[in-house]
Each structure stands twice: as structure tokens, then as C-alpha cells.
């Protein structure tokens, strides 16, 4: 299946979850705000949120520093 993640087309296996995508991208779920098709997903739903062909995913990561 194909999704768009932060503006870039990605090919993934069917049935993967948002957590699977974050793992593939080496991102910790607790450090990311995720939006799928303009809907913000609550962090406690990341494991249940199954990605579908054509989904548009936006991931925002907060980084501390000074």
C-alpha cells in the first residue's frame, strides 16, 4: 500500500499500524503528535490505528534545546 508521510510517498505492507510506522522511522511514540487525514490521533490510540492505502500522515516531533 502507499501512504503520504510528511509530504513524501512511502510504500508499506498492508495492515500496519501507526506505531509500526513510527518504529520504522525510529521515532518514539511519546515524542510525536500524529495526524491522519487531518485528524489528530490520541497517543493511546497509536497501536490500534491501522494505516490504509492512500492515507496522509503528518508527524510532528518536539525537540528540546536551547
C-alpha atoms as a PDB file:
ATOM      1  CA  UNK A   1       0.000   0.000   0.000  1.00  0.00           C
ATOM      2  CA  UNK A   2       1.032   3.622  -0.411  1.00  0.00           C
ATOM      3  CA  UNK A   3       0.725   6.441   2.087  1.00  0.00           C
ATOM      4  CA  UNK A   4       1.970  10.016   2.161  1.00  0.00           C
ATOM      5  CA  UNK A   5       4.030  10.751   5.273  1.00  0.00           C
ATOM      6  CA  UNK A   6       5.060  14.369   5.813  1.00  0.00           C
ATOM      7  CA  UNK A   7       4.653  15.023   2.108  1.00  0.00           C
ATOM      8  CA  UNK A   8       6.664  12.006   0.912  1.00  0.00           C
ATOM      9  CA  UNK A   9       5.199   8.897  -0.692  1.00  0.00           C
ATOM     10  CA  UNK A  10       6.000   5.680   1.209  1.00  0.00           C
ATOM     11  CA  UNK A  11       5.280   2.074   0.352  1.00  0.00           C
ATOM     12  CA  UNK A  12       4.265  -0.100   3.298  1.00  0.00           C
ATOM     13  CA  UNK A  13       2.788  -3.522   3.961  1.00  0.00           C
ATOM     14  CA  UNK A  14      -0.984  -3.715   4.408  1.00  0.00           C
ATOM     15  CA  UNK A  15      -2.309  -3.794   7.965  1.00  0.00           C
ATOM     16  CA  UNK A  16       0.479  -1.816   9.630  1.00  0.00           C
ATOM     17  CA  UNK A  17      -0.377   0.493  12.498  1.00  0.00           C
ATOM     18  CA  UNK A  18       0.764   3.986  13.310  1.00  0.00           C
ATOM     19  CA  UNK A  19       3.170   2.513  15.891  1.00  0.00           C
ATOM     20  CA  UNK A  20       4.655   0.307  13.157  1.00  0.00           C
ATOM     21  CA  UNK A  21       5.296   3.412  11.039  1.00  0.00           C
ATOM     22  CA  UNK A  22       6.895   5.236  13.980  1.00  0.00           C
ATOM     23  CA  UNK A  23       9.106   2.214  14.685  1.00  0.00           C
ATOM     24  CA  UNK A  24      10.172   2.087  11.033  1.00  0.00           C
ATOM     25  CA  UNK A  25      11.096   5.784  11.264  1.00  0.00           C
ATOM     26  CA  UNK A  26      12.958   5.284  14.588  1.00  0.00           C
ATOM     27  CA  UNK A  27      10.585   7.655  16.406  1.00  0.00           C
ATOM     28  CA  UNK A  28       9.391   7.217  19.987  1.00  0.00           C
ATOM     29  CA  UNK A  29       5.568   7.387  20.115  1.00  0.00           C
ATOM     30  CA  UNK A  30       5.677   9.614  23.198  1.00  0.00           C
ATOM     31  CA  UNK A  31       7.614  12.308  21.350  1.00  0.00           C
ATOM     32  CA  UNK A  32       5.347  12.588  18.304  1.00  0.00           C
ATOM     33  CA  UNK A  33       1.991  14.154  17.536  1.00  0.00           C
ATOM     34  CA  UNK A  34       0.336  12.289  14.674  1.00  0.00           C
ATOM     35  CA  UNK A  35      -2.385  13.353  12.285  1.00  0.00           C
ATOM     36  CA  UNK A  36      -4.013  11.036   9.756  1.00  0.00           C
ATOM     37  CA  UNK A  37      -6.143  12.594   7.019  1.00  0.00           C
ATOM     38  CA  UNK A  38      -6.314  15.879   9.018  1.00  0.00           C
ATOM     39  CA  UNK A  39      -7.498  14.104  12.205  1.00  0.00           C
ATOM     40  CA  UNK A  40      -5.227  14.227  15.265  1.00  0.00           C
ATOM     41  CA  UNK A  41      -4.764  10.772  16.759  1.00  0.00           C
ATOM     42  CA  UNK A  42      -4.555  10.416  20.535  1.00  0.00           C
ATOM     43  CA  UNK A  43      -1.308   8.759  21.656  1.00  0.00           C
ATOM     44  CA  UNK A  44      -3.161   5.952  23.411  1.00  0.00           C
ATOM     45  CA  UNK A  45      -4.660   5.015  20.011  1.00  0.00           C
ATOM     46  CA  UNK A  46      -1.382   4.720  18.068  1.00  0.00           C
ATOM     47  CA  UNK A  47      -1.262   0.916  18.440  1.00  0.00           C
ATOM     48  CA  UNK A  48      -4.871   0.492  17.262  1.00  0.00           C
ATOM     49  CA  UNK A  49      -4.755   2.978  14.361  1.00  0.00           C
ATOM     50  CA  UNK A  50      -4.339   0.861  11.223  1.00  0.00           C
ATOM     51  CA  UNK A  51      -2.992   2.714   8.200  1.00  0.00           C
ATOM     52  CA  UNK A  52      -4.856   2.376   4.908  1.00  0.00           C
ATOM     53  CA  UNK A  53      -3.847   2.812   1.293  1.00  0.00           C
ATOM     54  CA  UNK A  54      -3.876   6.496   0.384  1.00  0.00           C
ATOM     55  CA  UNK A  55      -3.711   7.824   3.960  1.00  0.00           C
ATOM     56  CA  UNK A  56      -1.993  11.132   4.506  1.00  0.00           C
ATOM     57  CA  UNK A  57       0.070  11.086   7.712  1.00  0.00           C
ATOM     58  CA  UNK A  58       1.668  14.123   9.310  1.00  0.00           C
ATOM     59  CA  UNK A  59       4.124  13.579  12.156  1.00  0.00           C
ATOM     60  CA  UNK A  60       5.272  16.451  14.334  1.00  0.00           C
ATOM     61  CA  UNK A  61       8.158  15.863  16.691  1.00  0.00           C
ATOM     62  CA  UNK A  62       9.037  18.186  19.529  1.00  0.00           C
ATOM     63  CA  UNK A  63      12.712  18.665  20.266  1.00  0.00           C
ATOM     64  CA  UNK A  64      14.056  20.390  23.344  1.00  0.00           C
ATOM     65  CA  UNK A  65      17.113  22.529  23.393  1.00  0.00           C
ATOM     66  CA  UNK A  66      18.304  26.000  23.740  1.00  0.00           C
END
